[in-house]
Amino acid sequence: MNDRTRPKVEGVDDAYRHLFDAIVDQRLLPGTKLTEMALVEAFGIGRRAVGLALQRLAWEDLIVVFPNRGAYVAAPEADEVRQIFAARLAIEAGTTEAVARTADEAALARLSTNLAEEQALRQEGRMREAIHLSGGFHLLMAELSGNAILAEQVRLLVARTSLVIALFENRSGLQGWHDHHGDLIALCRTRRAEAAVSLMRDHIRELEAGIALDRRRPVSFDMLGVFGTAAG
């Protein structure tokens, strides 16, 4: 890692953002140890700034810190997975209803753009990036609801869902559940709020049902490789 390959990090907020994005993008897998000195090298910032970024992620339950062992990317247990999806059902019902009742064409266009970009990535076989955009659809729905507090909760729940998808095998292969997004946009466009809420709930339940809680994937990881870029 050197100044040409190191990501641009100027302080705590940048370090946090890089770590958060790496978790959502499944470049940092559940159970991975986050060594402070390796992150200092990867980001080119001081150890205190790295520690503060890790502390924030711990508050958000995206990493766990064990005394005398260090920080690790969170690896949710089955009960926690169920709670994550239960929380999403409750919160996203509200954000979906708000969008379906109030969204204008500009808001619907943003949702449609997100969906088109996701579909293009899937056609190109760039599944990790497509999954990131699929989660982004839910973030955008929450943002468009106009409730910043709920939107922040959805942001964290989507990140934790990424951990779940990375950690557990999927029975259905995540092949069809994303198709609901187009239907959700259509329902919001015609102000069919109850139908939109029902579909969002079915959508989240379908994602949860595909998670094989009895089958975990192995973890492999190169911390410097996660954040470095090719020298050029």
C-alpha atoms as a PDB file:
ATOM      1  CA  MET A   1       0.000   0.000   0.000  1.00  0.00           C
ATOM      2  CA  ASN A   2       1.348   3.435  -0.967  1.00  0.00           C
ATOM      3  CA  ASP A   3       0.054   6.915  -1.763  1.00  0.00           C
ATOM      4  CA  ARG A   4      -0.950   5.866  -5.298  1.00  0.00           C
ATOM      5  CA  THR A   5      -2.969   2.791  -4.253  1.00  0.00           C
ATOM      6  CA  ARG A   6      -4.280   4.062  -0.910  1.00  0.00           C
ATOM      7  CA  PRO A   7      -7.910   5.338  -0.864  1.00  0.00           C
ATOM      8  CA  LYS A   8      -8.495   9.011  -0.111  1.00  0.00           C
ATOM      9  CA  VAL A   9      -8.985   9.200   3.653  1.00  0.00           C
ATOM     10  CA  GLU A  10      -8.633  12.462   5.547  1.00  0.00           C
ATOM     11  CA  GLY A  11     -10.114  11.539   8.904  1.00  0.00           C
ATOM     12  CA  VAL A  12     -12.619   9.564  10.931  1.00  0.00           C
ATOM     13  CA  ASP A  13     -15.609  10.149   8.646  1.00  0.00           C
ATOM     14  CA  ASP A  14     -13.768   8.962   5.540  1.00  0.00           C
ATOM     15  CA  ALA A  15     -12.432   5.879   7.320  1.00  0.00           C
ATOM     16  CA  TYR A  16     -15.920   5.070   8.592  1.00  0.00           C
ATOM     17  CA  ARG A  17     -17.407   5.485   5.106  1.00  0.00           C
ATOM     18  CA  HIS A  18     -14.829   3.180   3.497  1.00  0.00           C
ATOM     19  CA  LEU A  19     -15.382   0.513   6.139  1.00  0.00           C
ATOM     20  CA  PHE A  20     -19.175   0.832   5.990  1.00  0.00           C
ATOM     21  CA  ASP A  21     -19.189   0.593   2.187  1.00  0.00           C
ATOM     22  CA  ALA A  22     -16.875  -2.425   2.275  1.00  0.00           C
ATOM     23  CA  ILE A  23     -19.309  -4.202   4.602  1.00  0.00           C
ATOM     24  CA  VAL A  24     -22.335  -3.354   2.438  1.00  0.00           C
ATOM     25  CA  ASP A  25     -20.464  -4.385  -0.739  1.00  0.00           C
ATOM     26  CA  GLN A  26     -19.447  -7.673   0.928  1.00  0.00           C
ATOM     27  CA  ARG A  27     -15.737  -6.931   0.506  1.00  0.00           C
ATOM     28  CA  LEU A  28     -15.429  -7.209   4.298  1.00  0.00           C
ATOM     29  CA  LEU A  29     -16.975 -10.532   5.212  1.00  0.00           C
ATOM     30  CA  PRO A  30     -18.573 -11.504   8.524  1.00  0.00           C
ATOM     31  CA  GLY A  31     -16.066 -12.721  11.086  1.00  0.00           C
ATOM     32  CA  THR A  32     -13.135 -10.829   9.555  1.00  0.00           C
ATOM     33  CA  LYS A  33     -10.691  -9.413  12.097  1.00  0.00           C
ATOM     34  CA  LEU A  34     -10.121  -5.672  11.665  1.00  0.00           C
ATOM     35  CA  THR A  35      -6.571  -5.006  12.787  1.00  0.00           C
ATOM     36  CA  GLU A  36      -6.042  -1.351  13.669  1.00  0.00           C
ATOM     37  CA  MET A  37      -2.475  -1.210  12.404  1.00  0.00           C
ATOM     38  CA  ALA A  38      -3.431  -2.769   9.066  1.00  0.00           C
ATOM     39  CA  LEU A  39      -6.171  -0.156   8.695  1.00  0.00           C
ATOM     40  CA  VAL A  40      -3.726   2.599   9.625  1.00  0.00           C
ATOM     41  CA  GLU A  41      -1.536   1.351   6.768  1.00  0.00           C
ATOM     42  CA  ALA A  42      -4.486   0.977   4.377  1.00  0.00           C
ATOM     43  CA  PHE A  43      -5.872   4.457   5.044  1.00  0.00           C
ATOM     44  CA  GLY A  44      -2.727   6.420   5.870  1.00  0.00           C
ATOM     45  CA  ILE A  45      -4.255   8.010   8.981  1.00  0.00           C
ATOM     46  CA  GLY A  46      -3.558   7.821  12.695  1.00  0.00           C
ATOM     47  CA  ARG A  47      -4.526   4.987  14.973  1.00  0.00           C
ATOM     48  CA  ARG A  48      -6.900   7.185  16.995  1.00  0.00           C
ATOM     49  CA  ALA A  49      -8.949   8.052  13.896  1.00  0.00           C
ATOM     50  CA  VAL A  50      -9.165   4.373  12.948  1.00  0.00           C
ATOM     51  CA  GLY A  51     -10.246   3.513  16.485  1.00  0.00           C
ATOM     52  CA  LEU A  52     -13.021   6.117  16.418  1.00  0.00           C
ATOM     53  CA  ALA A  53     -14.297   4.801  13.078  1.00  0.00           C
ATOM     54  CA  LEU A  54     -14.367   1.264  14.480  1.00  0.00           C
ATOM     55  CA  GLN A  55     -16.148   2.519  17.586  1.00  0.00           C
ATOM     56  CA  ARG A  56     -18.916   4.022  15.466  1.00  0.00           C
ATOM     57  CA  LEU A  57     -19.352   0.775  13.559  1.00  0.00           C
ATOM     58  CA  ALA A  58     -19.538  -1.091  16.864  1.00  0.00           C
ATOM     59  CA  TRP A  59     -22.315   1.229  18.066  1.00  0.00           C
ATOM     60  CA  GLU A  60     -24.183   0.370  14.872  1.00  0.00           C
ATOM     61  CA  ASP A  61     -23.711  -3.395  15.465  1.00  0.00           C
ATOM     62  CA  LEU A  62     -21.772  -3.801  12.223  1.00  0.00           C
ATOM     63  CA  ILE A  63     -18.657  -4.912  14.071  1.00  0.00           C
ATOM     64  CA  VAL A  64     -18.080  -6.450  17.485  1.00  0.00           C
ATOM     65  CA  VAL A  65     -15.150  -5.771  19.799  1.00  0.00           C
ATOM     66  CA  PHE A  66     -13.921  -8.507  22.114  1.00  0.00           C
ATOM     67  CA  PRO A  67     -11.656  -7.620  25.083  1.00  0.00           C
ATOM     68  CA  ASN A  68      -8.059  -8.678  24.438  1.00  0.00           C
ATOM     69  CA  ARG A  69      -9.004 -10.045  21.008  1.00  0.00           C
ATOM     70  CA  GLY A  70      -9.828  -7.016  18.882  1.00  0.00           C
ATOM     71  CA  ALA A  71     -12.549  -5.960  16.438  1.00  0.00           C
ATOM     72  CA  TYR A  72     -14.347  -8.272  14.031  1.00  0.00           C
ATOM     73  CA  VAL A  73     -16.981  -7.760  11.360  1.00  0.00           C
ATOM     74  CA  ALA A  74     -20.275  -8.856  12.898  1.00  0.00           C
ATOM     75  CA  ALA A  75     -21.517 -12.361  12.133  1.00  0.00           C
ATOM     76  CA  PRO A  76     -25.200 -12.408  13.136  1.00  0.00           C
ATOM     77  CA  GLU A  77     -26.698 -15.487  14.737  1.00  0.00           C
ATOM     78  CA  ALA A  78     -30.027 -16.898  13.581  1.00  0.00           C
ATOM     79  CA  ASP A  79     -32.109 -15.091  16.221  1.00  0.00           C
ATOM     80  CA  GLU A  80     -30.520 -11.762  15.290  1.00  0.00           C
ATOM     81  CA  VAL A  81     -31.209 -12.406  11.607  1.00  0.00           C
ATOM     82  CA  ARG A  82     -34.893 -12.886  12.386  1.00  0.00           C
ATOM     83  CA  GLN A  83     -34.932  -9.655  14.375  1.00  0.00           C
ATOM     84  CA  ILE A  84     -33.285  -7.752  11.523  1.00  0.00           C
ATOM     85  CA  PHE A  85     -35.979  -8.822   9.099  1.00  0.00           C
ATOM     86  CA  ALA A  86     -38.747  -8.197  11.638  1.00  0.00           C
ATOM     87  CA  ALA A  87     -37.461  -4.645  12.052  1.00  0.00           C
ATOM     88  CA  ARG A  88     -37.346  -4.155   8.295  1.00  0.00           C
ATOM     89  CA  LEU A  89     -40.924  -5.369   7.958  1.00  0.00           C
ATOM     90  CA  ALA A  90     -42.127  -2.860  10.530  1.00  0.00           C
ATOM     91  CA  ILE A  91     -40.128   0.135   9.350  1.00  0.00           C
ATOM     92  CA  GLU A  92     -40.318  -0.332   5.598  1.00  0.00           C
ATOM     93  CA  ALA A  93     -44.069  -0.755   5.704  1.00  0.00           C
ATOM     94  CA  GLY A  94     -44.197   2.824   6.933  1.00  0.00           C
ATOM     95  CA  THR A  95     -41.679   4.242   4.488  1.00  0.00           C
ATOM     96  CA  THR A  96     -43.360   2.462   1.565  1.00  0.00           C
ATOM     97  CA  GLU A  97     -46.773   3.798   2.516  1.00  0.00           C
ATOM     98  CA  ALA A  98     -45.409   7.342   2.704  1.00  0.00           C
ATOM     99  CA  VAL A  99     -43.809   7.086  -0.748  1.00  0.00           C
ATOM    100  CA  ALA A 100     -46.930   5.552  -2.286  1.00  0.00           C
ATOM    101  CA  ARG A 101     -49.064   8.402  -0.945  1.00  0.00           C
ATOM    102  CA  THR A 102     -46.772  11.339  -1.698  1.00  0.00           C
ATOM    103  CA  ALA A 103     -44.152  10.510  -4.371  1.00  0.00           C
ATOM    104  CA  ASP A 104     -44.065  12.796  -7.402  1.00  0.00           C
ATOM    105  CA  GLU A 105     -42.640  12.021 -10.829  1.00  0.00           C
ATOM    106  CA  ALA A 106     -39.177  13.239  -9.844  1.00  0.00           C
ATOM    107  CA  ALA A 107     -39.087  10.774  -6.940  1.00  0.00           C
ATOM    108  CA  LEU A 108     -40.403   7.943  -9.094  1.00  0.00           C
ATOM    109  CA  ALA A 109     -37.782   8.743 -11.726  1.00  0.00           C
ATOM    110  CA  ARG A 110     -35.028   8.317  -9.133  1.00  0.00           C
ATOM    111  CA  LEU A 111     -36.429   4.908  -8.195  1.00  0.00           C
ATOM    112  CA  SER A 112     -36.686   3.908 -11.855  1.00  0.00           C
ATOM    113  CA  THR A 113     -33.088   4.956 -12.500  1.00  0.00           C
ATOM    114  CA  ASN A 114     -31.904   2.855  -9.579  1.00  0.00           C
ATOM    115  CA  LEU A 115     -33.829  -0.145 -10.931  1.00  0.00           C
ATOM    116  CA  ALA A 116     -32.481   0.284 -14.469  1.00  0.00           C
ATOM    117  CA  GLU A 117     -28.900   0.488 -13.218  1.00  0.00           C
ATOM    118  CA  GLU A 118     -29.396  -2.629 -11.064  1.00  0.00           C
ATOM    119  CA  GLN A 119     -30.829  -4.587 -13.992  1.00  0.00           C
ATOM    120  CA  ALA A 120     -27.921  -3.545 -16.210  1.00  0.00           C
ATOM    121  CA  LEU A 121     -25.430  -4.785 -13.629  1.00  0.00           C
ATOM    122  CA  ARG A 122     -27.253  -8.110 -13.335  1.00  0.00           C
ATOM    123  CA  GLN A 123     -27.162  -8.559 -17.115  1.00  0.00           C
ATOM    124  CA  GLU A 124     -23.414  -7.940 -17.028  1.00  0.00           C
ATOM    125  CA  GLY A 125     -23.011 -10.532 -14.278  1.00  0.00           C
ATOM    126  CA  ARG A 126     -21.821  -7.950 -11.750  1.00  0.00           C
ATOM    127  CA  MET A 127     -23.912  -9.434  -8.977  1.00  0.00           C
ATOM    128  CA  ARG A 128     -22.136  -7.883  -5.987  1.00  0.00           C
ATOM    129  CA  GLU A 129     -22.688  -4.389  -7.383  1.00  0.00           C
ATOM    130  CA  ALA A 130     -26.276  -5.264  -8.326  1.00  0.00           C
ATOM    131  CA  ILE A 131     -27.016  -6.402  -4.776  1.00  0.00           C
ATOM    132  CA  HIS A 132     -25.565  -3.132  -3.504  1.00  0.00           C
ATOM    133  CA  LEU A 133     -27.939  -1.177  -5.747  1.00  0.00           C
ATOM    134  CA  SER A 134     -30.826  -3.399  -4.718  1.00  0.00           C
ATOM    135  CA  GLY A 135     -30.218  -2.399  -1.121  1.00  0.00           C
ATOM    136  CA  GLY A 136     -29.907   1.163  -2.385  1.00  0.00           C
ATOM    137  CA  PHE A 137     -33.483   0.945  -3.680  1.00  0.00           C
ATOM    138  CA  HIS A 138     -34.690   0.427  -0.114  1.00  0.00           C
ATOM    139  CA  LEU A 139     -32.525   3.288   1.128  1.00  0.00           C
ATOM    140  CA  LEU A 140     -33.962   5.538  -1.562  1.00  0.00           C
ATOM    141  CA  MET A 141     -37.518   4.534  -0.686  1.00  0.00           C
ATOM    142  CA  ALA A 142     -36.806   5.419   2.940  1.00  0.00           C
ATOM    143  CA  GLU A 143     -35.208   8.738   1.980  1.00  0.00           C
ATOM    144  CA  LEU A 144     -38.175   9.640  -0.227  1.00  0.00           C
ATOM    145  CA  SER A 145     -40.553   8.944   2.663  1.00  0.00           C
ATOM    146  CA  GLY A 146     -39.381  12.226   4.185  1.00  0.00           C
ATOM    147  CA  ASN A 147     -38.638  10.688   7.590  1.00  0.00           C
ATOM    148  CA  ALA A 148     -34.914  11.042   8.227  1.00  0.00           C
ATOM    149  CA  ILE A 149     -34.986   8.939  11.413  1.00  0.00           C
ATOM    150  CA  LEU A 150     -36.597   5.974   9.662  1.00  0.00           C
ATOM    151  CA  ALA A 151     -34.251   6.415   6.704  1.00  0.00           C
ATOM    152  CA  GLU A 152     -31.239   6.121   9.009  1.00  0.00           C
ATOM    153  CA  GLN A 153     -32.643   2.937  10.532  1.00  0.00           C
ATOM    154  CA  VAL A 154     -33.189   1.454   7.075  1.00  0.00           C
ATOM    155  CA  ARG A 155     -29.596   2.356   6.138  1.00  0.00           C
ATOM    156  CA  LEU A 156     -28.260   0.335   9.053  1.00  0.00           C
ATOM    157  CA  LEU A 157     -30.686  -2.563   8.590  1.00  0.00           C
ATOM    158  CA  VAL A 158     -29.774  -2.870   4.908  1.00  0.00           C
ATOM    159  CA  ALA A 159     -26.098  -2.964   5.881  1.00  0.00           C
ATOM    160  CA  ARG A 160     -26.779  -5.702   8.396  1.00  0.00           C
ATOM    161  CA  THR A 161     -28.769  -7.569   5.755  1.00  0.00           C
ATOM    162  CA  SER A 162     -25.666  -7.490   3.554  1.00  0.00           C
ATOM    163  CA  LEU A 163     -23.799  -9.243   6.355  1.00  0.00           C
ATOM    164  CA  VAL A 164     -26.524 -11.878   6.495  1.00  0.00           C
ATOM    165  CA  ILE A 165     -26.430 -12.462   2.730  1.00  0.00           C
ATOM    166  CA  ALA A 166     -22.640 -12.734   2.829  1.00  0.00           C
ATOM    167  CA  LEU A 167     -22.664 -15.077   5.817  1.00  0.00           C
ATOM    168  CA  PHE A 168     -25.366 -17.581   4.915  1.00  0.00           C
ATOM    169  CA  GLU A 169     -26.009 -19.547   1.755  1.00  0.00           C
ATOM    170  CA  ASN A 170     -29.224 -18.787  -0.079  1.00  0.00           C
ATOM    171  CA  ARG A 171     -31.761 -21.416  -1.017  1.00  0.00           C
ATOM    172  CA  SER A 172     -33.189 -19.492  -3.963  1.00  0.00           C
ATOM    173  CA  GLY A 173     -29.975 -17.923  -5.257  1.00  0.00           C
ATOM    174  CA  LEU A 174     -31.449 -14.412  -5.020  1.00  0.00           C
ATOM    175  CA  GLN A 175     -32.637 -14.745  -8.613  1.00  0.00           C
ATOM    176  CA  GLY A 176     -36.170 -13.397  -8.520  1.00  0.00           C
ATOM    177  CA  TRP A 177     -36.808 -11.313  -5.437  1.00  0.00           C
ATOM    178  CA  HIS A 178     -35.417  -8.110  -6.988  1.00  0.00           C
ATOM    179  CA  ASP A 179     -38.227  -8.120  -9.603  1.00  0.00           C
ATOM    180  CA  HIS A 180     -40.565  -6.688  -6.978  1.00  0.00           C
ATOM    181  CA  HIS A 181     -38.899  -3.296  -7.251  1.00  0.00           C
ATOM    182  CA  GLY A 182     -40.475  -2.535 -10.600  1.00  0.00           C
ATOM    183  CA  ASP A 183     -43.881  -3.539  -9.302  1.00  0.00           C
ATOM    184  CA  LEU A 184     -43.404  -1.327  -6.257  1.00  0.00           C
ATOM    185  CA  ILE A 185     -42.658   1.661  -8.473  1.00  0.00           C
ATOM    186  CA  ALA A 186     -45.822   0.990 -10.491  1.00  0.00           C
ATOM    187  CA  LEU A 187     -47.947   0.794  -7.341  1.00  0.00           C
ATOM    188  CA  CYS A 188     -46.462   4.021  -5.994  1.00  0.00           C
ATOM    189  CA  ARG A 189     -47.123   5.758  -9.315  1.00  0.00           C
ATOM    190  CA  THR A 190     -50.823   4.861  -9.111  1.00  0.00           C
ATOM    191  CA  ARG A 191     -51.067   5.741  -5.387  1.00  0.00           C
ATOM    192  CA  ARG A 192     -52.027   2.178  -4.411  1.00  0.00           C
ATOM    193  CA  ALA A 193     -50.546   2.489  -0.932  1.00  0.00           C
ATOM    194  CA  GLU A 194     -52.051  -0.622   0.671  1.00  0.00           C
ATOM    195  CA  ALA A 195     -50.974  -2.831  -2.220  1.00  0.00           C
ATOM    196  CA  ALA A 196     -47.479  -1.313  -2.153  1.00  0.00           C
ATOM    197  CA  VAL A 197     -47.119  -1.980   1.569  1.00  0.00           C
ATOM    198  CA  SER A 198     -48.325  -5.572   1.111  1.00  0.00           C
ATOM    199  CA  LEU A 199     -45.841  -6.154  -1.705  1.00  0.00           C
ATOM    200  CA  MET A 200     -42.946  -4.670   0.275  1.00  0.00           C
ATOM    201  CA  ARG A 201     -43.753  -6.994   3.160  1.00  0.00           C
ATOM    202  CA  ASP A 202     -43.906  -9.994   0.795  1.00  0.00           C
ATOM    203  CA  HIS A 203     -40.627  -8.863  -0.751  1.00  0.00           C
ATOM    204  CA  ILE A 204     -38.811  -8.743   2.595  1.00  0.00           C
ATOM    205  CA  ARG A 205     -40.340 -12.045   3.732  1.00  0.00           C
ATOM    206  CA  GLU A 206     -39.200 -13.680   0.480  1.00  0.00           C
ATOM    207  CA  LEU A 207     -35.655 -12.475   1.024  1.00  0.00           C
ATOM    208  CA  GLU A 208     -35.695 -13.797   4.593  1.00  0.00           C
ATOM    209  CA  ALA A 209     -37.162 -17.128   3.514  1.00  0.00           C
ATOM    210  CA  GLY A 210     -34.285 -17.630   1.089  1.00  0.00           C
ATOM    211  CA  ILE A 211     -31.634 -17.358   3.803  1.00  0.00           C
ATOM    212  CA  ALA A 212     -30.324 -20.785   4.814  1.00  0.00           C
ATOM    213  CA  LEU A 213     -29.601 -20.181   8.493  1.00  0.00           C
ATOM    214  CA  ASP A 214     -28.115 -23.655   8.885  1.00  0.00           C
ATOM    215  CA  ARG A 215     -25.469 -23.138   6.200  1.00  0.00           C
ATOM    216  CA  ARG A 216     -22.635 -20.623   6.634  1.00  0.00           C
ATOM    217  CA  ARG A 217     -20.073 -19.709   4.029  1.00  0.00           C
ATOM    218  CA  PRO A 218     -16.336 -19.845   4.782  1.00  0.00           C
ATOM    219  CA  VAL A 219     -14.542 -16.525   5.265  1.00  0.00           C
ATOM    220  CA  SER A 220     -11.406 -15.514   3.357  1.00  0.00           C
ATOM    221  CA  PHE A 221      -9.968 -12.032   3.242  1.00  0.00           C
ATOM    222  CA  ASP A 222      -7.047  -9.708   2.443  1.00  0.00           C
ATOM    223  CA  MET A 223      -7.502  -6.389   4.264  1.00  0.00           C
ATOM    224  CA  LEU A 224      -5.061  -4.332   2.208  1.00  0.00           C
ATOM    225  CA  GLY A 225      -6.553  -5.725  -0.994  1.00  0.00           C
ATOM    226  CA  VAL A 226     -10.040  -4.631   0.047  1.00  0.00           C
ATOM    227  CA  PHE A 227      -9.165  -0.925   0.165  1.00  0.00           C
ATOM    228  CA  GLY A 228      -6.241  -0.611  -2.229  1.00  0.00           C
ATOM    229  CA  THR A 229      -6.569   0.460  -5.856  1.00  0.00           C
ATOM    230  CA  ALA A 230      -4.383  -0.390  -8.789  1.00  0.00           C
ATOM    231  CA  ALA A 231      -1.412   1.898  -9.251  1.00  0.00           C
ATOM    232  CA  GLY A 232      -1.539   3.841 -12.457  1.00  0.00           C
END
